[in-house]
Protein backbone atom coordinates (compact mmCIF):
# COMPACT_ATOMS: atom_id res chain seq x y z
CA MET A 1 0.00 0.00 0.00
CA LYS A 2 1.34 3.44 -0.94
CA LEU A 3 1.65 5.55 2.19
CA TYR A 4 -0.05 8.88 2.24
CA ARG A 5 2.28 11.83 2.85
CA GLU A 6 1.36 15.44 3.07
CA GLU A 7 3.46 17.57 0.73
CA ASP A 8 2.31 21.04 1.75
CA ASP A 9 0.55 22.78 -1.16
CA MET A 10 1.50 20.13 -3.73
CA GLN A 11 -1.63 18.01 -3.08
CA SER A 12 -4.82 18.52 -4.90
CA SER A 13 -8.18 18.78 -3.14
CA MET A 14 -9.20 15.48 -4.79
CA GLU A 15 -6.32 13.65 -3.14
CA ARG A 16 -7.28 15.07 0.23
CA THR A 17 -10.89 13.99 -0.26
CA GLU A 18 -9.85 10.45 -1.20
CA THR A 19 -7.50 10.28 1.75
CA ASP A 20 -10.16 11.47 4.21
CA THR A 21 -12.53 8.83 2.88
CA CYS A 22 -9.92 6.10 3.31
CA ARG A 23 -9.19 7.26 6.83
CA LYS A 24 -12.88 7.12 7.81
CA VAL A 25 -13.20 3.63 6.34
CA MET A 26 -10.14 2.45 8.26
CA ILE A 27 -11.47 3.90 11.53
CA PHE A 28 -14.83 2.22 10.95
CA LEU A 29 -13.14 -1.14 10.32
CA VAL A 30 -11.06 -0.81 13.48
CA ILE A 31 -14.20 -0.10 15.54
CA VAL A 32 -15.93 -3.15 14.05
CA GLN A 33 -12.91 -5.32 14.88
CA ILE A 34 -12.92 -4.08 18.48
CA LEU A 35 -16.64 -4.81 18.88
CA VAL A 36 -16.20 -8.31 17.46
CA ALA A 37 -13.30 -8.93 19.85
CA VAL A 38 -15.38 -7.79 22.83
CA ILE A 39 -18.28 -10.06 21.86
CA VAL A 40 -15.98 -13.05 21.39
CA THR A 41 -14.26 -12.36 24.72
CA PHE A 42 -17.52 -12.11 26.65
CA THR A 43 -18.75 -15.31 25.02
CA PHE A 44 -15.56 -17.09 26.06
CA LEU A 45 -15.95 -15.87 29.62
CA GLY A 46 -19.45 -17.24 29.75
CA ILE A 47 -20.91 -13.84 30.62
CA GLY A 48 -23.38 -13.92 27.78
CA ALA A 49 -25.16 -17.02 29.09
CA SER A 50 -27.91 -17.17 31.70
CA ARG A 51 -27.93 -13.46 32.37
CA PRO A 52 -30.26 -12.12 35.01
CA GLU A 53 -33.57 -10.75 33.80
CA PRO A 54 -33.56 -6.98 33.20
CA ASP A 55 -34.25 -5.08 36.37
CA HIS A 56 -36.34 -1.96 36.02
CA TRP A 57 -35.59 -0.77 39.57
CA GLU A 58 -39.30 -0.99 40.25
CA LYS A 59 -40.72 0.06 43.59
CA CYS A 60 -41.05 -2.92 45.90
CA THR A 61 -44.72 -3.40 46.69
CA ASP A 62 -44.67 -6.97 48.02
CA ASN A 63 -46.01 -7.64 51.49
CA CYS A 64 -43.13 -9.88 52.52
CA SER A 65 -42.74 -12.27 55.39
CA ILE A 66 -39.28 -12.47 56.98
CA VAL A 67 -38.60 -15.21 59.52
CA LEU A 68 -35.62 -16.50 61.44
CA ALA A 69 -34.77 -20.17 61.06
CA GLU A 70 -32.64 -22.14 63.52
CA SER A 71 -31.07 -25.54 63.91
CA ILE A 72 -30.86 -26.50 67.57
CA PRO A 73 -28.68 -29.61 68.01
CA ALA A 74 -30.01 -32.66 69.77
CA ASN A 75 -29.24 -32.54 73.50
CA LEU A 76 -29.06 -28.72 73.59
CA THR A 77 -32.03 -27.31 75.48
CA PHE A 78 -33.13 -23.90 76.70
CA PRO A 79 -35.50 -23.05 79.57
CA PRO A 80 -39.26 -23.04 78.87
CA GLY A 81 -40.38 -19.75 77.36
CA SER A 82 -37.04 -19.09 75.66
CA PRO A 83 -37.16 -17.65 72.13
CA SER A 84 -37.65 -20.34 69.50
CA HIS A 85 -38.06 -20.26 65.74
CA VAL A 86 -38.97 -22.50 62.84
CA SER A 87 -36.32 -25.12 62.14
CA THR A 88 -33.93 -24.99 59.21
CA PHE A 89 -35.32 -28.35 58.10
CA ASP A 90 -38.91 -27.08 58.00
CA THR A 91 -37.82 -23.90 56.23
CA TRP A 92 -35.97 -25.79 53.51
CA MET A 93 -38.83 -28.26 53.05
CA ASN A 94 -41.26 -25.34 52.74
CA LEU A 95 -39.08 -23.76 50.07
CA ILE A 96 -38.92 -27.02 48.12
CA ASN A 97 -42.67 -27.59 48.36
CA MET A 98 -43.52 -23.97 47.49
CA ALA A 99 -41.44 -24.01 44.31
CA THR A 100 -43.41 -23.89 41.08
CA LYS A 101 -40.65 -23.05 38.59
CA SER A 102 -37.11 -22.92 39.89
CA ILE A 103 -34.76 -23.54 42.80
CA ASP A 104 -31.26 -22.04 42.72
CA ILE A 105 -28.86 -23.07 45.50
CA ALA A 106 -25.41 -21.59 46.13
CA SER A 107 -23.42 -23.87 48.39
CA TYR A 108 -20.06 -24.86 49.79
CA TYR A 109 -20.42 -28.66 49.84
CA TRP A 110 -23.11 -31.36 49.96
CA THR A 111 -23.40 -34.18 52.50
CA LEU A 112 -27.14 -34.49 53.04
CA ASN A 113 -27.12 -38.28 53.23
CA GLY A 114 -25.72 -40.14 56.20
CA LYS A 115 -23.67 -42.40 53.95
CA ASP A 116 -21.83 -39.31 52.68
CA VAL A 117 -20.01 -38.79 55.94
CA TYR A 118 -21.31 -40.69 58.99
CA VAL A 119 -24.45 -42.78 59.42
CA ASP A 120 -26.47 -41.71 62.46
CA PRO A 121 -30.15 -41.86 63.43
CA THR A 122 -30.30 -38.05 63.19
CA ASP A 123 -29.31 -37.99 59.51
CA LYS A 124 -32.92 -38.55 58.41
CA GLN A 125 -33.73 -34.86 57.98
CA GLY A 126 -30.87 -34.41 55.55
CA GLU A 127 -32.03 -37.40 53.57
CA GLU A 128 -35.55 -35.94 53.41
CA ILE A 129 -34.18 -32.69 51.96
CA PHE A 130 -32.23 -34.66 49.36
CA LYS A 131 -35.31 -36.71 48.42
CA GLY A 132 -37.39 -33.54 48.21
CA LEU A 133 -34.95 -31.97 45.77
CA MET A 134 -34.71 -35.16 43.72
CA ASN A 135 -38.49 -35.37 43.49
CA ALA A 136 -38.83 -31.69 42.60
CA GLY A 137 -36.32 -32.00 39.79
CA THR A 138 -37.43 -35.33 38.32
CA LYS A 139 -41.19 -35.47 38.92
CA ARG A 140 -42.46 -31.93 39.49
CA GLY A 141 -40.65 -30.21 36.64
CA ILE A 142 -38.78 -27.75 38.86
CA ALA A 143 -35.63 -26.35 37.25
CA ILE A 144 -32.90 -26.78 39.85
CA ARG A 145 -29.49 -25.16 39.50
CA ILE A 146 -26.68 -25.71 41.98
CA ALA A 147 -23.53 -23.59 42.18
CA GLN A 148 -21.02 -25.23 44.49
CA ASN A 149 -17.39 -25.07 45.46
CA LYS A 150 -15.13 -27.28 43.36
CA PRO A 151 -15.33 -30.87 44.68
CA SER A 152 -12.26 -32.35 46.32
CA GLU A 153 -11.13 -35.73 47.58
CA TYR A 154 -12.27 -34.73 51.06
CA LEU A 155 -15.56 -33.20 49.87
CA PRO A 156 -16.54 -35.03 46.66
CA ASN A 157 -20.14 -33.73 46.62
CA ASN A 158 -21.68 -37.11 45.83
CA ASP A 159 -25.17 -35.71 46.41
CA THR A 160 -24.95 -33.20 43.58
CA GLN A 161 -23.46 -35.84 41.30
CA SER A 162 -26.51 -38.00 41.99
CA LEU A 163 -28.92 -35.13 41.35
CA GLN A 164 -27.19 -34.26 38.10
CA LYS A 165 -26.99 -37.88 36.92
CA ALA A 166 -30.72 -38.31 37.54
CA GLY A 167 -31.52 -35.17 35.56
CA ALA A 168 -32.86 -33.46 38.67
CA ALA A 169 -30.42 -30.55 38.64
CA GLN A 170 -27.81 -28.69 36.66
CA VAL A 171 -24.57 -28.33 38.62
CA ARG A 172 -21.63 -25.99 38.19
CA SER A 173 -18.51 -25.88 40.34
CA LEU A 174 -16.39 -22.81 41.07
CA ASP A 175 -12.61 -23.23 41.07
CA PHE A 176 -11.37 -20.32 43.17
CA ASP A 177 -7.73 -21.21 42.55
CA ALA A 178 -8.28 -20.62 38.85
CA LEU A 179 -10.62 -17.65 39.32
CA ILE A 180 -8.76 -15.50 41.87
CA GLY A 181 -5.74 -17.52 42.96
CA SER A 182 -7.14 -19.11 46.15
CA GLY A 183 -10.25 -19.44 48.29
CA ILE A 184 -13.58 -21.27 48.30
CA LEU A 185 -17.27 -20.69 47.69
CA HIS A 186 -18.67 -20.56 51.23
CA THR A 187 -22.13 -19.16 50.44
CA LYS A 188 -25.30 -20.82 51.74
CA MET A 189 -28.22 -19.32 49.81
CA TRP A 190 -31.47 -20.46 48.22
CA VAL A 191 -33.49 -18.51 45.64
CA VAL A 192 -36.87 -20.04 44.79
CA ASP A 193 -39.10 -18.85 41.92
CA ARG A 194 -37.39 -15.46 42.27
CA LYS A 195 -39.88 -14.88 45.09
CA HIS A 196 -38.37 -16.58 48.14
CA VAL A 197 -34.84 -16.47 49.60
CA PHE A 198 -32.87 -18.18 52.36
CA ILE A 199 -29.48 -16.93 53.60
CA GLY A 200 -27.64 -18.20 56.64
CA SER A 201 -25.00 -20.36 58.24
CA PRO A 202 -26.17 -23.94 57.50
CA ASN A 203 -24.37 -25.93 54.81
CA MET A 204 -26.11 -28.54 52.67
CA ASP A 205 -25.23 -31.11 55.30
CA TRP A 206 -27.45 -33.34 57.43
CA ARG A 207 -25.43 -32.30 60.48
CA ALA A 208 -26.47 -28.68 59.87
CA LEU A 209 -30.06 -29.76 60.55
CA THR A 210 -29.64 -31.83 63.72
CA GLN A 211 -26.08 -31.74 65.08
CA VAL A 212 -24.85 -28.16 64.55
CA LYS A 213 -26.35 -24.95 65.91
CA GLU A 214 -27.28 -22.76 62.92
CA LEU A 215 -29.18 -19.57 62.14
CA GLY A 216 -30.55 -18.14 58.91
CA VAL A 217 -33.20 -15.79 57.58
CA ALA A 218 -35.94 -16.60 55.07
CA PHE A 219 -37.76 -14.06 52.91
CA PHE A 220 -41.11 -15.29 51.63
CA ASN A 221 -43.11 -13.63 48.82
CA CYS A 222 -40.39 -11.01 48.54
CA SER A 223 -39.64 -10.63 44.83
CA CYS A 224 -37.46 -7.52 45.21
CA VAL A 225 -35.11 -9.32 47.59
CA ALA A 226 -35.27 -12.51 45.51
CA LYS A 227 -34.45 -10.78 42.23
CA ASP A 228 -31.45 -9.13 43.84
CA ALA A 229 -30.34 -12.45 45.36
CA ALA A 230 -30.75 -14.01 41.92
CA LYS A 231 -28.09 -11.63 40.62
CA LEU A 232 -25.69 -12.94 43.25
CA PHE A 233 -26.46 -16.48 42.15
CA GLU A 234 -25.95 -15.58 38.48
CA VAL A 235 -22.44 -14.39 39.33
CA TYR A 236 -21.68 -17.85 40.70
CA TRP A 237 -23.43 -19.58 37.81
CA THR A 238 -21.43 -17.58 35.29
CA LEU A 239 -18.13 -18.27 37.05
CA GLY A 240 -18.92 -21.97 37.32
CA LYS A 241 -18.78 -22.37 33.56
CA PRO A 242 -15.65 -24.26 32.39
CA GLY A 243 -12.85 -21.85 31.53
CA ALA A 244 -14.65 -18.86 33.03
CA ARG A 245 -12.68 -15.83 34.16
CA VAL A 246 -13.65 -13.01 36.49
CA PRO A 247 -14.33 -9.94 34.33
CA THR A 248 -12.61 -6.68 35.18
CA HIS A 249 -16.04 -5.06 35.11
CA TRP A 250 -19.34 -6.91 35.45
CA PRO A 251 -22.00 -6.20 32.80
CA THR A 252 -24.80 -3.86 33.83
CA ASN A 253 -27.34 -6.69 34.09
CA TYR A 254 -25.52 -7.80 37.23
CA SER A 255 -25.64 -4.33 38.79
CA THR A 256 -27.88 -3.45 41.72
CA PRO A 257 -29.34 -0.16 42.91
CA TYR A 258 -29.59 -1.54 46.45
CA ASN A 259 -26.75 -1.10 48.92
CA LYS A 260 -25.81 0.47 52.25
CA MET A 261 -26.48 3.95 50.86
CA ALA A 262 -29.77 3.01 49.19
CA PRO A 263 -31.41 -0.12 50.66
CA MET A 264 -34.57 -1.49 49.12
CA GLN A 265 -37.69 -0.38 50.97
CA ILE A 266 -40.24 -3.11 51.50
CA LYS A 267 -43.18 -3.93 53.73
CA ALA A 268 -42.31 -7.00 55.79
CA ASN A 269 -44.24 -8.53 58.68
CA GLY A 270 -46.48 -5.48 58.52
CA THR A 271 -43.55 -3.13 59.13
CA ASP A 272 -41.65 -0.74 56.86
CA THR A 273 -38.31 -2.46 56.36
CA ASP A 274 -35.01 -1.57 54.70
CA VAL A 275 -33.00 -4.46 53.24
CA TYR A 276 -29.89 -4.93 51.15
CA LEU A 277 -27.64 -7.85 50.29
CA SER A 278 -23.85 -7.73 50.44
CA SER A 279 -21.25 -9.97 48.83
CA SER A 280 -17.63 -11.06 48.93
CA PRO A 281 -14.98 -11.24 47.60
CA PRO A 282 -14.72 -7.77 46.00
CA GLN A 283 -14.04 -9.31 42.57
CA PHE A 284 -17.55 -10.79 42.64
CA CYS A 285 -19.26 -7.46 43.35
CA SER A 286 -20.99 -5.76 40.43
CA ASP A 287 -21.71 -2.04 40.28
CA GLY A 288 -23.77 -0.90 43.24
CA ARG A 289 -23.13 -3.98 45.38
CA THR A 290 -21.84 -3.37 48.91
CA ASN A 291 -18.85 -5.51 49.80
CA ASP A 292 -19.60 -7.82 52.74
CA ILE A 293 -16.96 -6.37 55.06
CA ASP A 294 -18.18 -2.84 54.30
CA ALA A 295 -21.71 -3.91 55.25
CA ILE A 296 -20.49 -5.25 58.59
CA LEU A 297 -18.52 -2.10 59.37
CA ASP A 298 -21.45 0.11 58.37
CA VAL A 299 -23.83 -1.75 60.69
CA MET A 300 -21.34 -1.17 63.51
CA ASP A 301 -21.06 2.52 62.64
CA ASN A 302 -24.85 2.90 62.72
CA ALA A 303 -25.19 1.42 66.22
CA GLU A 304 -26.08 3.88 68.96
CA ARG A 305 -26.27 1.69 72.08
CA PHE A 306 -24.97 -1.85 71.54
CA ILE A 307 -23.29 -4.26 69.13
CA HIS A 308 -23.84 -7.98 69.73
CA VAL A 309 -21.90 -10.44 67.58
CA ALA A 310 -22.29 -14.23 67.35
CA VAL A 311 -19.73 -15.86 65.08
CA MET A 312 -18.04 -19.25 65.08
CA GLU A 313 -14.55 -17.98 64.28
CA TYR A 314 -13.14 -14.55 65.12
CA TYR A 315 -9.61 -14.16 63.80
CA PRO A 316 -8.19 -10.63 63.28
CA PHE A 317 -5.68 -11.99 60.81
CA LEU A 318 -5.35 -13.78 57.49
CA ALA A 319 -5.94 -17.21 58.96
CA PHE A 320 -5.66 -19.65 56.08
CA SER A 321 -2.47 -18.53 54.37
CA ASP A 322 1.22 -19.01 54.91
CA PRO A 323 2.47 -16.75 56.29
CA GLN A 324 -0.46 -15.49 58.33
CA LYS A 325 -0.89 -11.72 58.40
CA PHE A 326 -2.48 -9.43 60.97
CA TRP A 327 -5.78 -7.81 59.91
CA SER A 328 -7.43 -5.54 62.45
CA VAL A 329 -10.29 -4.01 60.45
CA ILE A 330 -13.14 -5.51 62.50
CA ASP A 331 -11.19 -5.54 65.75
CA ASP A 332 -10.37 -1.84 65.44
CA LYS A 333 -13.98 -0.99 64.66
CA LEU A 334 -15.24 -2.74 67.81
CA ARG A 335 -12.62 -1.07 69.98
CA SER A 336 -13.28 2.38 68.57
CA ALA A 337 -17.06 1.93 68.90
CA ALA A 338 -16.64 1.10 72.59
CA PHE A 339 -14.01 3.74 73.35
CA ASN A 340 -15.09 6.67 71.18
CA ARG A 341 -18.88 6.30 71.25
CA GLY A 342 -19.59 4.33 74.42
CA ILE A 343 -21.17 1.40 72.54
CA ALA A 344 -21.66 -1.75 74.63
CA VAL A 345 -19.98 -4.61 72.76
CA ARG A 346 -20.66 -8.30 73.35
CA LEU A 347 -18.91 -10.97 71.32
CA LEU A 348 -20.01 -14.62 71.44
CA ALA A 349 -17.48 -16.89 69.73
CA SER A 350 -17.50 -20.69 69.51
CA SER A 351 -15.26 -23.42 70.82
CA TRP A 352 -15.05 -26.96 69.48
CA ASN A 353 -12.48 -29.59 68.58
CA HIS A 354 -11.26 -27.62 65.57
CA THR A 355 -10.90 -24.14 67.08
CA ASN A 356 -7.57 -22.46 66.37
CA PRO A 357 -6.20 -21.69 69.87
CA ASP A 358 -4.79 -18.40 68.57
CA MET A 359 -8.35 -17.06 68.63
CA PHE A 360 -8.45 -17.01 72.43
CA GLY A 361 -5.46 -14.68 72.70
CA PHE A 362 -7.06 -12.13 70.40
CA LEU A 363 -10.39 -12.42 72.21
CA GLN A 364 -8.59 -11.94 75.52
CA SER A 365 -7.08 -8.71 74.21
CA LEU A 366 -10.64 -7.46 73.68
CA ALA A 367 -12.02 -8.77 76.95
CA VAL A 368 -9.31 -7.16 79.06
CA LEU A 369 -10.50 -3.74 77.91
CA ASN A 370 -13.67 -4.25 79.94
CA ASN A 371 -11.60 -3.46 83.02
CA THR A 372 -11.09 0.12 81.87
CA SER A 373 -13.45 2.84 83.03
CA LYS A 374 -14.47 3.93 79.53
CA MET A 375 -15.09 0.66 77.74
CA ASP A 376 -17.88 -1.90 77.91
CA ILE A 377 -16.63 -4.98 76.04
CA GLU A 378 -17.52 -8.52 77.06
CA VAL A 379 -16.51 -11.79 75.44
CA LYS A 380 -18.01 -15.23 75.94
CA ILE A 381 -17.44 -18.65 74.41
CA PHE A 382 -20.35 -20.92 73.43
CA LYS A 383 -19.83 -24.69 73.71
CA VAL A 384 -22.36 -27.22 72.44
CA PRO A 385 -22.42 -30.27 74.78
CA SER A 386 -21.96 -33.79 73.46
CA THR A 387 -22.81 -37.27 74.62
CA PRO A 388 -20.13 -39.91 73.93
CA ALA A 389 -22.08 -41.01 70.85
CA GLN A 390 -22.51 -37.45 69.57
CA ALA A 391 -18.81 -36.77 70.06
CA GLN A 392 -18.09 -39.44 67.45
CA ILE A 393 -19.85 -37.46 64.70
CA PRO A 394 -17.12 -35.63 62.75
CA TYR A 395 -17.26 -31.84 62.43
CA ALA A 396 -20.40 -31.42 64.51
CA ARG A 397 -21.53 -30.09 67.90
CA VAL A 398 -20.64 -26.42 67.39
CA ASN A 399 -22.39 -23.04 67.34
CA HIS A 400 -21.99 -22.19 63.65
CA ASN A 401 -23.88 -18.85 63.72
CA LYS A 402 -22.65 -15.83 61.75
CA TYR A 403 -24.73 -12.79 62.68
CA MET A 404 -24.69 -9.41 64.36
CA VAL A 405 -27.48 -7.39 65.91
CA THR A 406 -27.44 -3.80 67.11
CA ASP A 407 -30.06 -1.42 68.43
CA LYS A 408 -30.59 -0.32 64.81
CA GLN A 409 -30.01 -3.23 62.42
CA ALA A 410 -29.64 -6.97 61.97
CA TYR A 411 -26.92 -8.61 59.91
CA ILE A 412 -27.11 -12.31 59.00
CA GLY A 413 -24.35 -13.73 56.83
CA THR A 414 -22.53 -16.83 55.68
CA SER A 415 -18.93 -15.96 56.60
CA ASN A 416 -16.74 -16.38 59.64
CA TRP A 417 -14.82 -13.29 60.68
CA SER A 418 -11.25 -13.38 59.43
CA LYS A 419 -9.67 -11.59 56.50
CA ASP A 420 -9.81 -14.67 54.27
CA TYR A 421 -13.60 -14.72 54.31
CA PHE A 422 -13.86 -11.20 52.91
CA THR A 423 -11.01 -11.19 50.39
CA VAL A 424 -10.80 -14.67 48.83
CA THR A 425 -14.04 -16.41 49.87
CA GLY A 426 -17.46 -16.35 48.27
CA GLY A 427 -20.08 -15.26 50.79
CA VAL A 428 -23.20 -13.13 51.16
CA GLY A 429 -24.83 -11.12 53.90
CA SER A 430 -28.26 -9.62 54.53
CA VAL A 431 -28.74 -6.33 56.35
CA ILE A 432 -32.22 -5.68 57.74
CA ASN A 433 -33.57 -2.57 59.43
CA ASP A 434 -37.17 -2.94 60.55
CA THR A 435 -36.97 -0.86 63.70
CA SER A 436 -39.89 1.44 62.91
CA LEU A 437 -40.23 4.73 64.68
CA PRO A 438 -43.03 4.29 67.27
CA LEU A 439 -46.12 6.39 66.93
CA PRO A 440 -46.59 9.17 69.52
CA GLY A 441 -48.06 7.71 72.68
CA ASN A 442 -47.21 4.14 71.62
CA VAL A 443 -43.54 3.84 72.46
CA GLY A 444 -42.16 0.47 71.41
CA GLU A 445 -45.47 -0.71 69.98
CA ASN A 446 -43.91 -2.05 66.77
CA ASP A 447 -40.61 -3.23 68.20
CA GLY A 448 -41.96 -6.59 69.32
CA LYS A 449 -42.74 -7.44 65.69
CA SER A 450 -39.31 -6.59 64.36
CA LEU A 451 -36.95 -9.25 63.13
CA ARG A 452 -34.11 -7.24 64.64
CA LYS A 453 -35.72 -7.59 68.06
CA GLN A 454 -36.22 -11.32 67.53
CA LEU A 455 -32.54 -11.69 66.66
CA ALA A 456 -31.54 -9.64 69.70
CA ASP A 457 -33.61 -11.99 71.85
CA VAL A 458 -31.85 -15.02 70.34
CA PHE A 459 -28.51 -13.49 71.23
CA GLU A 460 -29.64 -12.80 74.81
CA ARG A 461 -30.93 -16.37 75.12
CA ASP A 462 -27.59 -17.80 74.04
CA TRP A 463 -25.47 -15.28 75.97
CA ASN A 464 -27.25 -16.03 79.25
CA SER A 465 -27.46 -19.78 78.71
CA GLN A 466 -25.56 -22.49 80.54
CA TYR A 467 -23.57 -23.10 77.35
CA ALA A 468 -21.90 -19.66 77.30
CA PHE A 469 -18.81 -18.98 79.42
CA PHE A 470 -16.82 -15.83 80.00
CA LEU A 471 -13.50 -16.10 78.25
CA ALA A 472 -11.49 -16.40 81.47
CA GLN A 473 -13.54 -19.45 82.48
CA GLU A 474 -13.12 -21.14 79.11
CA THR A 475 -9.36 -20.70 78.82
CA LYS A 476 -8.38 -21.79 82.35
């Protein structure tokens, strides 16, 4: 091709016109090539498949029902009249039976059947859940999709293999090593018919129904929450496709208008309620999505009187890496809330056979501050009792809760509290504010209906129970 060169006044106007035309054609061809490359790239990443339905940011008009769900292990009892809630088993069975179109489940691992891990008389509830899902997918025409962490030798996920082989479910596995270098999918979330949602601590494990203390929250007939949760699931579903890569910027169909600055406003349990869903790790957050750690810190910042935390593991460091690294983001926030604002802090951690003993030293550094005149910080350890037979069940008999409640908001999530869970682990959280302002002359009239108050009562029940010990008693 003869190169065009400008030769001052020696060119004719015709040559300039021809050259301008060629230049425009070349620019147009370059733009077309770029667009084709983008389309091919997005197709390779799997982003073009199974996109969420367009969201018109409609006003939420559903009259939702929000309920707490708990698993109380066998042989763990509370005094008569103590707060109690629907079981995780009943909640999951209700979700399965209510489904008319679809069930999407984001999960860590699957051991619903006793034969998967340890046969015990209390494994029946897990087997019932498995049978319910199998029946829904093979006989009732329910479209079931499962996004799970990549199976391993230790956690082969035989249940999902069986569901997939029977044609009951589609299954995709996320390989965090390939996606972001390390980590796991630790989410425990159900989305049913894009109307109902469950988020909480229980894994898809029979022990989570009868041998581990768990807590979650279910949203029924709540399409705004469900559609937003569906976007979280679609992120997992997209990244579970073979060869998928995390995009540098998620397409707009994954974006959300709901976050800590602008929660969705719904009517739930007869009360005006603000809700938003958070996510981790940051690479999985689309535009508008609040990162899970930012949601936790914001709930703490909004507290005016107290912060009560119940979490299985509390490690202010990067716990699952070599070398471990100190990470004081949550720890600093609790200390500053107590010291600077006079917030009463209570932290209820868990102890079991697999607790990292380093946790107790960090908890002790918090508890010792309670001896100062300005700070109100208390730490207790919750231990689930075991009979000799129950002690034989592997990875059971522990308080697996992951929630926080303040005088303003409730947070219920799927992550333990160490840096790993917020930087390289897939997890979600739900932030709920249904503490309505009381009408004049009716102080506290609505507070008894609030989910936040129910969660606060659960914390008080556990904190004051015979299973909770002050840190000094536990570590002697």
